[in-house]
Protein backbone atom coordinates (compact mmCIF):
# COMPACT_ATOMS: atom_id res chain seq x y z
CA MET A 1 98.90 119.58 105.18
CA ARG A 2 98.50 122.33 107.63
CA GLY A 3 95.02 121.10 108.86
CA LEU A 4 96.14 117.33 109.10
CA GLY A 5 97.76 117.38 112.54
CA MET A 6 99.14 114.31 114.46
CA ALA A 7 95.63 112.91 114.85
CA GLY A 8 95.37 112.63 111.06
CA ILE A 9 98.72 111.07 110.93
CA ALA A 10 97.52 108.56 113.61
CA ALA A 11 94.64 107.68 111.62
CA LEU A 12 96.61 107.32 108.50
CA CYS A 13 99.03 104.91 110.40
CA LEU A 14 95.89 102.71 111.28
CA PHE A 15 94.97 102.66 107.68
CA THR A 16 98.46 101.74 106.52
CA LEU A 17 98.59 98.92 109.19
CA ALA A 18 95.45 97.41 107.62
CA ALA A 19 96.64 97.87 104.02
CA GLY A 20 100.24 96.84 104.38
CA CYS A 21 101.00 95.03 107.58
CA VAL A 22 102.93 97.88 108.76
CA PRO A 23 102.68 99.09 112.41
CA PRO A 24 103.10 102.58 113.02
CA PRO A 25 106.46 103.75 114.37
CA ARG A 26 106.90 103.90 117.99
CA VAL A 27 110.49 105.38 118.47
CA ALA A 28 111.32 107.89 121.22
CA GLY A 29 115.01 108.38 121.93
CA GLN A 30 116.60 105.06 122.10
CA PRO A 31 114.06 102.78 120.34
CA GLU A 32 112.61 99.80 121.91
CA PRO A 33 112.62 97.11 119.30
CA ALA A 34 109.55 95.13 118.32
CA ALA A 35 109.62 91.29 118.07
CA GLY A 36 112.13 90.51 115.32
CA ALA A 37 113.60 93.99 115.13
CA GLU A 38 117.05 93.36 116.44
CA ARG A 39 120.07 92.68 114.45
CA ALA A 40 121.98 89.75 115.65
CA SER A 41 124.64 92.10 117.36
CA GLY A 42 121.81 94.39 118.78
CA ILE A 43 120.82 97.86 117.81
CA ASP A 44 123.78 100.13 117.42
CA PRO A 45 124.02 102.89 120.15
CA LEU A 46 124.07 105.51 117.54
CA PHE A 47 120.72 104.48 116.28
CA LEU A 48 118.85 107.26 117.70
CA PRO A 49 116.13 108.42 115.52
CA PRO A 50 113.46 110.94 116.56
CA SER A 51 109.82 110.05 116.88
CA PRO A 52 107.34 111.02 114.09
CA ASP A 53 105.47 112.55 117.21
CA THR A 54 108.00 115.10 117.50
CA ILE A 55 107.92 116.38 113.96
CA PRO A 56 107.86 120.29 114.61
CA GLY A 57 104.78 122.22 113.86
CA ASP A 58 106.47 124.94 111.85
CA LEU A 59 106.83 125.29 108.10
CA ARG A 60 109.90 122.97 108.07
CA GLY A 61 107.84 120.48 109.95
CA GLU A 62 105.09 120.54 107.25
CA ALA A 63 107.61 119.47 104.61
CA ILE A 64 108.88 116.69 107.11
CA ARG A 65 105.42 115.59 107.65
CA LEU A 66 104.68 115.42 103.94
CA GLY A 67 107.76 113.35 103.60
CA TYR A 68 106.42 110.89 106.21
CA LEU A 69 103.20 110.63 104.51
CA MET A 70 104.86 110.01 101.09
CA VAL A 71 106.62 107.23 102.81
CA VAL A 72 103.76 105.51 104.64
CA ASP A 73 101.12 106.01 102.11
CA THR A 74 103.02 106.44 98.82
CA ARG A 75 100.27 105.40 96.58
CA ALA A 76 97.93 108.14 97.73
CA TYR A 77 100.38 110.99 98.17
CA GLY A 78 102.68 110.18 95.37
CA LYS A 79 99.79 108.71 93.19
CA PRO A 80 100.89 109.99 89.62
CA TYR A 81 104.30 108.48 90.16
CA VAL A 82 103.54 105.04 91.55
CA GLY A 83 102.82 102.27 89.08
CA ASN A 84 102.01 99.26 91.40
CA ALA A 85 100.48 98.47 94.79
CA LEU A 86 103.52 99.15 96.87
CA THR A 87 104.64 101.99 99.23
CA CYS A 88 107.93 103.01 100.61
CA THR A 89 107.28 101.40 103.92
CA ASN A 90 106.67 97.86 102.34
CA CYS A 91 110.47 97.49 102.13
CA HIS A 92 111.70 100.27 104.53
CA LEU A 93 109.40 99.04 107.39
CA ASP A 94 108.10 101.33 110.17
CA ALA A 95 108.37 104.36 107.98
CA GLY A 96 111.95 103.92 107.64
CA LEU A 97 112.82 103.41 111.42
CA ASN A 98 113.40 99.79 111.68
CA PRO A 99 117.07 99.20 111.60
CA ASN A 100 116.69 95.76 109.90
CA THR A 101 115.11 96.98 106.70
CA ALA A 102 117.22 99.50 104.84
CA SER A 103 116.41 102.34 107.54
CA PHE A 104 116.46 105.79 106.50
CA VAL A 105 118.21 106.87 109.71
CA GLY A 106 121.38 108.44 108.84
CA ILE A 107 121.17 107.87 105.25
CA SER A 108 121.30 111.40 104.27
CA ARG A 109 124.87 111.45 105.91
CA LEU A 110 125.97 109.16 103.21
CA TYR A 111 125.03 111.00 99.90
CA PRO A 112 126.15 111.89 97.34
CA GLU A 113 127.81 108.39 96.66
CA TYR A 114 129.10 106.26 93.95
CA ARG A 115 126.56 103.47 92.88
CA ALA A 116 128.16 100.54 90.91
CA ARG A 117 124.61 99.76 89.34
CA ALA A 118 124.45 103.19 87.90
CA GLY A 119 128.11 103.71 87.29
CA ARG A 120 128.20 107.22 88.69
CA LYS A 121 127.81 109.18 91.94
CA MET A 122 124.16 109.69 92.81
CA SER A 123 122.47 112.15 94.96
CA LEU A 124 119.87 111.20 97.73
CA THR A 125 117.11 112.40 95.13
CA ASP A 126 118.59 110.14 92.40
CA ARG A 127 118.49 107.28 94.77
CA ILE A 128 114.86 108.15 95.71
CA ASN A 129 113.73 108.06 92.19
CA GLU A 130 115.52 104.96 91.51
CA CYS A 131 113.40 103.13 94.11
CA VAL A 132 110.26 104.74 92.77
CA GLU A 133 111.00 103.61 89.23
CA ARG A 134 112.39 100.22 90.05
CA SER A 135 110.55 99.05 93.29
CA MET A 136 107.33 100.80 92.44
CA ASN A 137 107.27 100.44 88.77
CA GLY A 138 106.72 104.23 88.68
CA LYS A 139 108.10 107.34 87.10
CA ALA A 140 110.70 109.86 88.53
CA LEU A 141 109.38 112.70 90.52
CA PRO A 142 110.59 116.03 88.90
CA PRO A 143 113.77 117.55 90.32
CA ASP A 144 111.85 120.59 91.63
CA SER A 145 108.93 118.38 93.10
CA THR A 146 107.92 119.59 96.60
CA LYS A 147 107.08 115.88 97.26
CA LEU A 148 110.47 114.62 96.38
CA ALA A 149 112.14 117.42 98.63
CA ALA A 150 109.70 116.43 101.47
CA ILE A 151 111.11 112.73 101.41
CA VAL A 152 114.66 114.16 101.61
CA ALA A 153 113.44 116.47 104.50
CA TYR A 154 112.05 113.42 106.30
CA ILE A 155 115.25 111.42 105.87
CA ASP A 156 117.41 114.33 106.73
CA TRP A 157 115.31 114.84 109.86
CA LEU A 158 115.48 111.07 110.96
CA SER A 159 119.26 111.40 110.52
CA LYS A 160 119.78 114.43 112.81
CA ASN A 161 121.18 112.53 115.63
CA VAL A 162 123.50 110.57 113.57
CA PRO A 163 127.12 112.31 113.93
CA SER A 164 128.56 113.52 110.48
CA GLY A 165 131.05 111.15 109.13
CA SER A 166 129.35 108.14 110.69
CA THR A 167 129.49 104.95 108.51
CA VAL A 168 125.72 104.16 109.51
CA PRO A 169 126.54 100.57 110.62
CA TRP A 170 122.90 99.64 110.54
CA ARG A 171 122.54 100.53 106.98
CA GLY A 172 120.86 98.14 104.66
CA ILE A 173 119.68 94.79 105.64
CA PRO A 174 121.57 92.22 107.93
CA ARG A 175 122.96 90.08 105.03
CA ILE A 176 123.01 86.27 105.13
CA THR A 177 124.89 83.69 102.76
CA PRO A 178 123.49 80.60 101.58
CA ALA A 179 124.82 77.07 102.77
CA ARG A 180 123.87 75.69 99.46
CA PRO A 181 122.20 76.70 96.11
CA PRO A 182 118.62 78.08 96.85
CA ASP A 183 115.88 75.81 95.86
CA PRO A 184 112.72 77.41 94.60
CA SER A 185 110.80 73.94 94.75
CA LEU A 186 111.62 74.06 98.36
CA GLY A 187 110.86 77.70 98.60
CA LYS A 188 107.34 76.89 97.37
CA ASN A 189 106.70 74.80 100.45
CA VAL A 190 108.07 77.53 102.72
CA TYR A 191 105.86 80.09 101.08
CA ALA A 192 102.83 77.93 101.56
CA LYS A 193 103.57 77.38 105.31
CA LYS A 194 104.76 80.80 106.34
CA CYS A 195 103.97 83.47 103.67
CA VAL A 196 100.82 82.66 102.03
CA PHE A 197 98.41 83.90 104.79
CA CYS A 198 99.49 87.43 104.27
CA HIS A 199 100.69 87.65 100.71
CA GLY A 200 98.25 85.32 99.17
CA THR A 201 98.18 82.23 97.18
CA GLU A 202 99.39 83.80 94.08
CA GLY A 203 101.69 86.32 95.58
CA GLN A 204 98.95 89.08 94.78
CA GLY A 205 98.93 90.42 98.30
CA THR A 206 96.00 90.96 100.75
CA MET A 207 94.76 93.53 103.15
CA ALA A 208 97.42 92.24 105.52
CA ALA A 209 100.54 92.53 103.26
CA PRO A 210 101.76 93.70 99.71
CA PRO A 211 102.03 91.80 96.45
CA VAL A 212 105.35 89.91 96.04
CA TRP A 213 105.08 89.04 92.54
CA GLY A 214 102.72 89.78 89.29
CA PRO A 215 101.88 93.12 87.66
CA ARG A 216 101.20 94.88 90.97
CA SER A 217 104.72 94.03 92.65
CA TYR A 218 108.30 95.29 92.34
CA THR A 219 110.01 95.02 88.89
CA ILE A 220 112.92 92.80 87.82
CA GLY A 221 115.24 95.83 88.41
CA ALA A 222 114.39 96.25 91.88
CA ASP A 223 116.89 95.57 94.76
CA MET A 224 114.50 92.92 96.16
CA ALA A 225 114.55 91.14 92.84
CA ARG A 226 118.02 89.89 93.94
CA VAL A 227 117.63 86.68 95.78
CA GLY A 228 120.26 87.45 98.40
CA ILE A 229 118.58 90.73 99.33
CA ALA A 230 115.18 89.30 99.35
CA ALA A 231 116.57 86.20 101.48
CA SER A 232 118.15 88.75 103.97
CA PHE A 233 114.90 90.73 104.32
CA ILE A 234 112.85 87.54 104.76
CA LYS A 235 115.25 86.29 107.43
CA ALA A 236 115.33 89.38 109.49
CA ASN A 237 111.64 90.51 109.10
CA MET A 238 109.29 87.81 108.03
CA PRO A 239 106.87 86.57 109.00
CA ARG A 240 106.03 90.06 110.01
CA GLY A 241 106.81 90.38 113.63
CA TRP A 242 108.40 87.10 113.74
CA GLY A 243 111.76 87.84 112.21
CA TRP A 244 114.82 85.62 112.71
CA THR A 245 112.54 82.61 112.96
CA VAL A 246 113.04 80.98 109.68
CA THR A 247 116.33 79.28 108.96
CA ASP A 248 118.86 80.96 106.38
CA ASP A 249 117.91 78.13 103.95
CA GLU A 250 114.33 78.69 104.27
CA ALA A 251 114.78 82.32 103.63
CA PHE A 252 116.95 81.60 100.44
CA ASP A 253 114.53 78.91 99.26
CA ALA A 254 111.55 81.28 99.53
CA ALA A 255 113.28 84.25 98.08
CA ALA A 256 114.26 81.94 95.19
CA TYR A 257 110.73 80.79 94.67
CA ILE A 258 109.17 84.38 94.99
CA ASN A 259 111.80 85.75 92.42
CA SER A 260 111.21 82.90 89.99
CA GLN A 261 107.59 84.17 89.68
CA PRO A 262 106.65 86.72 86.90
CA ARG A 263 106.84 90.35 87.67
CA PRO A 264 107.16 93.63 85.60
CA ASP A 265 110.14 94.23 83.43
CA PHE A 266 112.36 97.13 83.81
CA PRO A 267 113.57 98.45 80.46
CA GLY A 268 116.34 100.52 81.94
CA LYS A 269 118.00 97.30 83.05
CA VAL A 270 120.03 97.57 79.85
CA ASN A 271 122.20 100.33 81.26
CA ASP A 272 122.87 98.65 84.66
CA TRP A 273 126.57 98.02 85.75
CA PRO A 274 128.23 99.92 82.80
CA LYS A 275 131.48 99.50 84.48
CA GLY A 276 131.08 95.89 85.42
CA GLU A 277 130.71 94.98 89.40
CA LYS A 278 127.49 93.06 88.61
CA PRO A 279 126.57 91.12 91.50
CA ALA A 280 126.23 87.37 91.11
CA ASP A 281 122.53 87.19 92.13
CA ALA A 282 121.43 89.79 89.59
CA PRO A 283 118.42 88.35 87.81
CA TYR A 284 119.53 89.72 84.45
């Protein structure tokens, strides 16, 4: 890592753009949103993440930089732990800097917190490993892993301009609600018109975008396997660079179609929501 430098990171970003339809982050102070990056109400004035270009060159910066690389090229830097073709930045777009896609900015201010699905209070490292296991069909990083600590360091660094006690109003994905039950058959048409070019005819992914179903995609236990979350993500961000251009119905129909397709099981699902609170769109 010491010899990689920002030139190496820039080259990696270009690789990631080709492999995952993920443009390199371009945030400096108040970010200028790319097309489709705005929430309906605009970017919150507290959303002031530092640019990865300003990661310090000291030992702390090396840990932050490793965390950044784990996020943008998880399959390479976290290879022993990833079980599919996804990276963190496929869902947390722009290396966690996009305010519409479960941004990492400010998140370290919120943990530990209670998670209904787990039925207990979770640390930030717990939550990271939950994503690795569920979204990446992988295995948890050891508690003493330098790579796990690096992801935390990166998220914490992105959060440094967020005041302590903030509710992080841009947290998660801007949620939409269906006006009618989602229709997978209509969603198949939406997918064919607006998704297939990047994600492939069988959802297997292409050089432009990741797989959205099949053995190389997220598991049934992932957050994105919930139709409401997938629909909200599609509405705000898809097609990539053209967020907010599909209707709410199209987003829900496409999400219903995508999540009706086969994907890896998640055996740990039997332990989910032990105290109730199971959401209506949970797929199991």
